[in-house]
Amino acid sequence: MPNPFNEPPTVYYTLERAGRMQLLVNSADGRDLKVLHEATQEKGDYQFQWDTNALVPGMYYVTLLLDGKPVVKKAVKVG
């Protein structure tokens, strides 16, 4: 949030069960850019402050993996 964004956004996510999670970011063309966060977490609501200062404006994909199962959301950085 917010989306689209021009300031570093906060990624909010909910884990339906405890497990090993990763937050990943990919470019619009599918290139892996960065692992934002990786941890073993309990079931619950979380947030992560995403430092987007080095990113150029464009579309990105943020993926939440919980024990290898993905949930993908689009994120758009505006100039």
PDB file of N, CA and C in Angstrom:
ATOM      1  N   MET A   1       0.852  -1.164   0.000  1.00  0.00           N
ATOM      2  CA  MET A   1       0.000   0.000   0.000  1.00  0.00           C
ATOM      3  C   MET A   1       0.889   1.215   0.000  1.00  0.00           C
ATOM      4  N   PRO A   2       0.642   2.226  -0.629  1.00  0.00           N
ATOM      5  CA  PRO A   2      -0.370   2.375  -1.685  1.00  0.00           C
ATOM      6  C   PRO A   2       0.079   1.691  -2.975  1.00  0.00           C
ATOM      7  N   ASN A   3      -0.831   1.549  -3.892  1.00  0.00           N
ATOM      8  CA  ASN A   3      -0.510   0.981  -5.197  1.00  0.00           C
ATOM      9  C   ASN A   3      -1.401   1.656  -6.228  1.00  0.00           C
ATOM     10  N   PRO A   4      -0.894   2.386  -7.201  1.00  0.00           N
ATOM     11  CA  PRO A   4       0.510   2.634  -7.499  1.00  0.00           C
ATOM     12  C   PRO A   4       1.172   3.493  -6.412  1.00  0.00           C
ATOM     13  N   PHE A   5       2.507   3.494  -6.417  1.00  0.00           N
ATOM     14  CA  PHE A   5       3.256   4.184  -5.384  1.00  0.00           C
ATOM     15  C   PHE A   5       4.395   4.989  -5.988  1.00  0.00           C
ATOM     16  N   ASN A   6       4.802   6.032  -5.287  1.00  0.00           N
ATOM     17  CA  ASN A   6       6.026   6.745  -5.642  1.00  0.00           C
ATOM     18  C   ASN A   6       6.931   6.871  -4.415  1.00  0.00           C
ATOM     19  N   GLU A   7       6.390   6.663  -3.244  1.00  0.00           N
ATOM     20  CA  GLU A   7       7.158   6.579  -2.004  1.00  0.00           C
ATOM     21  C   GLU A   7       7.263   5.108  -1.632  1.00  0.00           C
ATOM     22  N   PRO A   8       8.285   4.714  -0.871  1.00  0.00           N
ATOM     23  CA  PRO A   8       8.386   3.295  -0.493  1.00  0.00           C
ATOM     24  C   PRO A   8       7.102   2.798   0.180  1.00  0.00           C
ATOM     25  N   PRO A   9       6.520   1.743  -0.383  1.00  0.00           N
ATOM     26  CA  PRO A   9       5.251   1.219   0.141  1.00  0.00           C
ATOM     27  C   PRO A   9       5.457   0.226   1.280  1.00  0.00           C
ATOM     28  N   THR A  10       4.374  -0.057   1.966  1.00  0.00           N
ATOM     29  CA  THR A  10       4.345  -1.106   2.974  1.00  0.00           C
ATOM     30  C   THR A  10       3.597  -2.289   2.391  1.00  0.00           C
ATOM     31  N   VAL A  11       4.205  -3.472   2.477  1.00  0.00           N
ATOM     32  CA  VAL A  11       3.571  -4.709   2.016  1.00  0.00           C
ATOM     33  C   VAL A  11       2.889  -5.342   3.223  1.00  0.00           C
ATOM     34  N   TYR A  12       1.568  -5.509   3.143  1.00  0.00           N
ATOM     35  CA  TYR A  12       0.790  -6.156   4.196  1.00  0.00           C
ATOM     36  C   TYR A  12       0.463  -7.568   3.739  1.00  0.00           C
ATOM     37  N   TYR A  13       0.625  -8.536   4.631  1.00  0.00           N
ATOM     38  CA  TYR A  13       0.298  -9.910   4.269  1.00  0.00           C
ATOM     39  C   TYR A  13      -0.197 -10.679   5.487  1.00  0.00           C
ATOM     40  N   THR A  14      -0.980 -11.717   5.202  1.00  0.00           N
ATOM     41  CA  THR A  14      -1.545 -12.581   6.237  1.00  0.00           C
ATOM     42  C   THR A  14      -1.107 -14.004   5.962  1.00  0.00           C
ATOM     43  N   LEU A  15      -0.591 -14.658   6.986  1.00  0.00           N
ATOM     44  CA  LEU A  15      -0.263 -16.071   6.890  1.00  0.00           C
ATOM     45  C   LEU A  15      -1.394 -16.862   7.532  1.00  0.00           C
ATOM     46  N   GLU A  16      -1.991 -17.761   6.766  1.00  0.00           N
ATOM     47  CA  GLU A  16      -3.105 -18.577   7.253  1.00  0.00           C
ATOM     48  C   GLU A  16      -2.630 -19.695   8.173  1.00  0.00           C
ATOM     49  N   ARG A  17      -1.332 -19.973   8.135  1.00  0.00           N
ATOM     50  CA  ARG A  17      -0.734 -20.995   9.000  1.00  0.00           C
ATOM     51  C   ARG A  17       0.739 -20.636   9.207  1.00  0.00           C
ATOM     52  N   ALA A  18       1.342 -21.222  10.208  1.00  0.00           N
ATOM     53  CA  ALA A  18       2.763 -21.008  10.467  1.00  0.00           C
ATOM     54  C   ALA A  18       3.577 -21.724   9.385  1.00  0.00           C
ATOM     55  N   GLY A  19       4.752 -21.184   9.070  1.00  0.00           N
ATOM     56  CA  GLY A  19       5.611 -21.842   8.090  1.00  0.00           C
ATOM     57  C   GLY A  19       6.740 -20.955   7.630  1.00  0.00           C
ATOM     58  N   ARG A  20       7.526 -21.483   6.713  1.00  0.00           N
ATOM     59  CA  ARG A  20       8.644 -20.762   6.123  1.00  0.00           C
ATOM     60  C   ARG A  20       8.101 -19.864   5.023  1.00  0.00           C
ATOM     61  N   MET A  21       8.365 -18.557   5.134  1.00  0.00           N
ATOM     62  CA  MET A  21       7.841 -17.619   4.140  1.00  0.00           C
ATOM     63  C   MET A  21       8.972 -16.845   3.495  1.00  0.00           C
ATOM     64  N   GLN A  22       8.687 -16.352   2.288  1.00  0.00           N
ATOM     65  CA  GLN A  22       9.570 -15.456   1.567  1.00  0.00           C
ATOM     66  C   GLN A  22       8.721 -14.408   0.867  1.00  0.00           C
ATOM     67  N   LEU A  23       9.206 -13.178   0.859  1.00  0.00           N
ATOM     68  CA  LEU A  23       8.655 -12.121   0.014  1.00  0.00           C
ATOM     69  C   LEU A  23       9.687 -11.868  -1.076  1.00  0.00           C
ATOM     70  N   LEU A  24       9.263 -12.007  -2.321  1.00  0.00           N
ATOM     71  CA  LEU A  24      10.157 -11.851  -3.467  1.00  0.00           C
ATOM     72  C   LEU A  24       9.635 -10.752  -4.371  1.00  0.00           C
ATOM     73  N   VAL A  25      10.534 -10.106  -5.108  1.00  0.00           N
ATOM     74  CA  VAL A  25      10.096  -9.118  -6.100  1.00  0.00           C
ATOM     75  C   VAL A  25      10.721  -9.476  -7.441  1.00  0.00           C
ATOM     76  N   ASN A  26       9.872  -9.394  -8.491  1.00  0.00           N
ATOM     77  CA  ASN A  26      10.283  -9.666  -9.860  1.00  0.00           C
ATOM     78  C   ASN A  26       9.939  -8.475 -10.727  1.00  0.00           C
ATOM     79  N   SER A  27      10.711  -8.299 -11.796  1.00  0.00           N
ATOM     80  CA  SER A  27      10.403  -7.253 -12.770  1.00  0.00           C
ATOM     81  C   SER A  27       9.217  -7.707 -13.621  1.00  0.00           C
ATOM     82  N   ALA A  28       8.688  -6.786 -14.412  1.00  0.00           N
ATOM     83  CA  ALA A  28       7.537  -7.095 -15.265  1.00  0.00           C
ATOM     84  C   ALA A  28       7.857  -8.191 -16.279  1.00  0.00           C
ATOM     85  N   ASP A  29       9.142  -8.320 -16.659  1.00  0.00           N
ATOM     86  CA  ASP A  29       9.522  -9.361 -17.613  1.00  0.00           C
ATOM     87  C   ASP A  29       9.903 -10.682 -16.934  1.00  0.00           C
ATOM     88  N   GLY A  30       9.672 -10.768 -15.610  1.00  0.00           N
ATOM     89  CA  GLY A  30       9.868 -12.027 -14.897  1.00  0.00           C
ATOM     90  C   GLY A  30      11.229 -12.234 -14.261  1.00  0.00           C
ATOM     91  N   ARG A  31      12.144 -11.272 -14.413  1.00  0.00           N
ATOM     92  CA  ARG A  31      13.467 -11.424 -13.797  1.00  0.00           C
ATOM     93  C   ARG A  31      13.371 -11.329 -12.284  1.00  0.00           C
ATOM     94  N   ASP A  32      14.059 -12.243 -11.586  1.00  0.00           N
ATOM     95  CA  ASP A  32      14.150 -12.166 -10.127  1.00  0.00           C
ATOM     96  C   ASP A  32      14.994 -10.960  -9.761  1.00  0.00           C
ATOM     97  N   LEU A  33      14.465 -10.078  -8.909  1.00  0.00           N
ATOM     98  CA  LEU A  33      15.215  -8.900  -8.512  1.00  0.00           C
ATOM     99  C   LEU A  33      15.770  -8.998  -7.102  1.00  0.00           C
ATOM    100  N   LYS A  34      14.945  -9.471  -6.169  1.00  0.00           N
ATOM    101  CA  LYS A  34      15.403  -9.447  -4.791  1.00  0.00           C
ATOM    102  C   LYS A  34      14.498 -10.291  -3.901  1.00  0.00           C
ATOM    103  N   VAL A  35      15.108 -10.896  -2.888  1.00  0.00           N
ATOM    104  CA  VAL A  35      14.351 -11.485  -1.790  1.00  0.00           C
ATOM    105  C   VAL A  35      14.205 -10.372  -0.764  1.00  0.00           C
ATOM    106  N   LEU A  36      12.981  -9.909  -0.551  1.00  0.00           N
ATOM    107  CA  LEU A  36      12.747  -8.793   0.366  1.00  0.00           C
ATOM    108  C   LEU A  36      12.828  -9.229   1.823  1.00  0.00           C
ATOM    109  N   HIS A  37      12.261 -10.397   2.098  1.00  0.00           N
ATOM    110  CA  HIS A  37      12.198 -10.869   3.489  1.00  0.00           C
ATOM    111  C   HIS A  37      12.051 -12.382   3.469  1.00  0.00           C
ATOM    112  N   GLU A  38      12.693 -13.038   4.429  1.00  0.00           N
ATOM    113  CA  GLU A  38      12.641 -14.492   4.515  1.00  0.00           C
ATOM    114  C   GLU A  38      12.698 -14.867   5.994  1.00  0.00           C
ATOM    115  N   ALA A  39      11.747 -15.693   6.446  1.00  0.00           N
ATOM    116  CA  ALA A  39      11.692 -16.054   7.865  1.00  0.00           C
ATOM    117  C   ALA A  39      10.724 -17.211   8.075  1.00  0.00           C
ATOM    118  N   THR A  40      10.823 -17.820   9.222  1.00  0.00           N
ATOM    119  CA  THR A  40       9.796 -18.749   9.686  1.00  0.00           C
ATOM    120  C   THR A  40       8.893 -17.940  10.606  1.00  0.00           C
ATOM    121  N   GLN A  41       7.600 -17.886  10.263  1.00  0.00           N
ATOM    122  CA  GLN A  41       6.683 -17.037  11.012  1.00  0.00           C
ATOM    123  C   GLN A  41       5.449 -17.824  11.423  1.00  0.00           C
ATOM    124  N   GLU A  42       4.827 -17.348  12.479  1.00  0.00           N
ATOM    125  CA  GLU A  42       3.578 -17.916  12.972  1.00  0.00           C
ATOM    126  C   GLU A  42       2.411 -17.403  12.141  1.00  0.00           C
ATOM    127  N   LYS A  43       1.277 -18.068  12.236  1.00  0.00           N
ATOM    128  CA  LYS A  43       0.036 -17.603  11.623  1.00  0.00           C
ATOM    129  C   LYS A  43      -0.248 -16.188  12.118  1.00  0.00           C
ATOM    130  N   GLY A  44      -0.707 -15.306  11.197  1.00  0.00           N
ATOM    131  CA  GLY A  44      -1.065 -13.959  11.633  1.00  0.00           C
ATOM    132  C   GLY A  44      -0.883 -12.916  10.552  1.00  0.00           C
ATOM    133  N   ASP A  45      -1.074 -11.657  10.934  1.00  0.00           N
ATOM    134  CA  ASP A  45      -0.957 -10.504  10.044  1.00  0.00           C
ATOM    135  C   ASP A  45       0.403  -9.856  10.237  1.00  0.00           C
ATOM    136  N   TYR A  46       1.019  -9.462   9.111  1.00  0.00           N
ATOM    137  CA  TYR A  46       2.359  -8.886   9.130  1.00  0.00           C
ATOM    138  C   TYR A  46       2.428  -7.724   8.158  1.00  0.00           C
ATOM    139  N   GLN A  47       3.500  -6.938   8.288  1.00  0.00           N
ATOM    140  CA  GLN A  47       3.778  -5.874   7.327  1.00  0.00           C
ATOM    141  C   GLN A  47       5.282  -5.762   7.147  1.00  0.00           C
ATOM    142  N   PHE A  48       5.677  -5.301   5.955  1.00  0.00           N
ATOM    143  CA  PHE A  48       7.087  -5.151   5.622  1.00  0.00           C
ATOM    144  C   PHE A  48       7.258  -3.849   4.866  1.00  0.00           C
ATOM    145  N   GLN A  49       8.180  -3.009   5.294  1.00  0.00           N
ATOM    146  CA  GLN A  49       8.475  -1.744   4.605  1.00  0.00           C
ATOM    147  C   GLN A  49       9.429  -2.043   3.452  1.00  0.00           C
ATOM    148  N   TRP A  50       8.978  -1.838   2.220  1.00  0.00           N
ATOM    149  CA  TRP A  50       9.734  -2.168   1.012  1.00  0.00           C
ATOM    150  C   TRP A  50      10.499  -0.944   0.545  1.00  0.00           C
ATOM    151  N   ASP A  51      11.823  -1.023   0.535  1.00  0.00           N
ATOM    152  CA  ASP A  51      12.672   0.078   0.067  1.00  0.00           C
ATOM    153  C   ASP A  51      12.738   0.024  -1.456  1.00  0.00           C
ATOM    154  N   THR A  52      12.031   0.934  -2.105  1.00  0.00           N
ATOM    155  CA  THR A  52      11.936   0.940  -3.561  1.00  0.00           C
ATOM    156  C   THR A  52      12.731   2.076  -4.196  1.00  0.00           C
ATOM    157  N   ASN A  53      13.567   2.738  -3.428  1.00  0.00           N
ATOM    158  CA  ASN A  53      14.304   3.900  -3.934  1.00  0.00           C
ATOM    159  C   ASN A  53      15.187   3.571  -5.137  1.00  0.00           C
ATOM    160  N   ALA A  54      15.730   2.370  -5.238  1.00  0.00           N
ATOM    161  CA  ALA A  54      16.610   2.005  -6.349  1.00  0.00           C
ATOM    162  C   ALA A  54      15.847   1.531  -7.591  1.00  0.00           C
ATOM    163  N   LEU A  55      14.519   1.398  -7.493  1.00  0.00           N
ATOM    164  CA  LEU A  55      13.728   0.906  -8.621  1.00  0.00           C
ATOM    165  C   LEU A  55      13.321   2.043  -9.551  1.00  0.00           C
ATOM    166  N   VAL A  56      13.348   1.776 -10.849  1.00  0.00           N
ATOM    167  CA  VAL A  56      12.839   2.736 -11.824  1.00  0.00           C
ATOM    168  C   VAL A  56      11.316   2.594 -11.889  1.00  0.00           C
ATOM    169  N   PRO A  57      10.609   3.628 -12.333  1.00  0.00           N
ATOM    170  CA  PRO A  57       9.157   3.491 -12.482  1.00  0.00           C
ATOM    171  C   PRO A  57       8.811   2.329 -13.412  1.00  0.00           C
ATOM    172  N   GLY A  58       7.755   1.619 -13.075  1.00  0.00           N
ATOM    173  CA  GLY A  58       7.320   0.491 -13.880  1.00  0.00           C
ATOM    174  C   GLY A  58       6.512  -0.488 -13.056  1.00  0.00           C
ATOM    175  N   MET A  59       6.207  -1.636 -13.665  1.00  0.00           N
ATOM    176  CA  MET A  59       5.412  -2.655 -13.003  1.00  0.00           C
ATOM    177  C   MET A  59       6.326  -3.734 -12.431  1.00  0.00           C
ATOM    178  N   TYR A  60       5.986  -4.189 -11.248  1.00  0.00           N
ATOM    179  CA  TYR A  60       6.728  -5.230 -10.553  1.00  0.00           C
ATOM    180  C   TYR A  60       5.732  -6.251 -10.002  1.00  0.00           C
ATOM    181  N   TYR A  61       6.234  -7.429  -9.680  1.00  0.00           N
ATOM    182  CA  TYR A  61       5.419  -8.459  -9.051  1.00  0.00           C
ATOM    183  C   TYR A  61       6.023  -8.794  -7.688  1.00  0.00           C
ATOM    184  N   VAL A  62       5.184  -8.743  -6.672  1.00  0.00           N
ATOM    185  CA  VAL A  62       5.593  -9.139  -5.330  1.00  0.00           C
ATOM    186  C   VAL A  62       4.944 -10.490  -5.053  1.00  0.00           C
ATOM    187  N   THR A  63       5.768 -11.462  -4.688  1.00  0.00           N
ATOM    188  CA  THR A  63       5.286 -12.814  -4.445  1.00  0.00           C
ATOM    189  C   THR A  63       5.505 -13.181  -2.985  1.00  0.00           C
ATOM    190  N   LEU A  64       4.459 -13.661  -2.355  1.00  0.00           N
ATOM    191  CA  LEU A  64       4.552 -14.236  -1.020  1.00  0.00           C
ATOM    192  C   LEU A  64       4.551 -15.746  -1.192  1.00  0.00           C
ATOM    193  N   LEU A  65       5.628 -16.380  -0.756  1.00  0.00           N
ATOM    194  CA  LEU A  65       5.706 -17.839  -0.760  1.00  0.00           C
ATOM    195  C   LEU A  65       5.569 -18.324   0.672  1.00  0.00           C
ATOM    196  N   LEU A  66       4.649 -19.232   0.900  1.00  0.00           N
ATOM    197  CA  LEU A  66       4.510 -19.873   2.208  1.00  0.00           C
ATOM    198  C   LEU A  66       4.674 -21.363   1.977  1.00  0.00           C
ATOM    199  N   ASP A  67       5.775 -21.903   2.461  1.00  0.00           N
ATOM    200  CA  ASP A  67       6.128 -23.307   2.226  1.00  0.00           C
ATOM    201  C   ASP A  67       6.072 -23.647   0.743  1.00  0.00           C
ATOM    202  N   GLY A  68       6.542 -22.707  -0.105  1.00  0.00           N
ATOM    203  CA  GLY A  68       6.636 -22.943  -1.539  1.00  0.00           C
ATOM    204  C   GLY A  68       5.393 -22.651  -2.346  1.00  0.00           C
ATOM    205  N   LYS A  69       4.284 -22.278  -1.703  1.00  0.00           N
ATOM    206  CA  LYS A  69       3.032 -21.970  -2.412  1.00  0.00           C
ATOM    207  C   LYS A  69       2.941 -20.450  -2.613  1.00  0.00           C
ATOM    208  N   PRO A  70       2.801 -19.992  -3.881  1.00  0.00           N
ATOM    209  CA  PRO A  70       2.863 -18.560  -4.164  1.00  0.00           C
ATOM    210  C   PRO A  70       1.512 -17.838  -4.141  1.00  0.00           C
ATOM    211  N   VAL A  71       1.578 -16.573  -3.713  1.00  0.00           N
ATOM    212  CA  VAL A  71       0.503 -15.596  -3.904  1.00  0.00           C
ATOM    213  C   VAL A  71       1.191 -14.387  -4.525  1.00  0.00           C
ATOM    214  N   VAL A  72       0.751 -13.986  -5.729  1.00  0.00           N
ATOM    215  CA  VAL A  72       1.426 -12.938  -6.487  1.00  0.00           C
ATOM    216  C   VAL A  72       0.518 -11.723  -6.619  1.00  0.00           C
ATOM    217  N   LYS A  73       1.102 -10.533  -6.402  1.00  0.00           N
ATOM    218  CA  LYS A  73       0.371  -9.266  -6.574  1.00  0.00           C
ATOM    219  C   LYS A  73       1.208  -8.319  -7.429  1.00  0.00           C
ATOM    220  N   LYS A  74       0.522  -7.502  -8.236  1.00  0.00           N
ATOM    221  CA  LYS A  74       1.207  -6.480  -9.026  1.00  0.00           C
ATOM    222  C   LYS A  74       1.429  -5.243  -8.177  1.00  0.00           C
ATOM    223  N   ALA A  75       2.554  -4.573  -8.419  1.00  0.00           N
ATOM    224  CA  ALA A  75       2.861  -3.301  -7.782  1.00  0.00           C
ATOM    225  C   ALA A  75       3.404  -2.379  -8.859  1.00  0.00           C
ATOM    226  N   VAL A  76       2.919  -1.139  -8.899  1.00  0.00           N
ATOM    227  CA  VAL A  76       3.318  -0.204  -9.947  1.00  0.00           C
ATOM    228  C   VAL A  76       3.973   1.016  -9.303  1.00  0.00           C
ATOM    229  N   LYS A  77       5.239   1.266  -9.702  1.00  0.00           N
ATOM    230  CA  LYS A  77       5.932   2.473  -9.239  1.00  0.00           C
ATOM    231  C   LYS A  77       5.774   3.543 -10.305  1.00  0.00           C
ATOM    232  N   VAL A  78       5.325   4.716  -9.874  1.00  0.00           N
ATOM    233  CA  VAL A  78       5.160   5.843 -10.784  1.00  0.00           C
ATOM    234  C   VAL A  78       6.284   6.847 -10.537  1.00  0.00           C
ATOM    235  N   GLY A  79       6.564   7.661 -11.541  1.00  0.00           N
ATOM    236  CA  GLY A  79       7.675   8.623 -11.445  1.00  0.00           C
ATOM    237  C   GLY A  79       7.322   9.860 -10.696  1.00  0.00           C
TER     238      GLY A  79
END
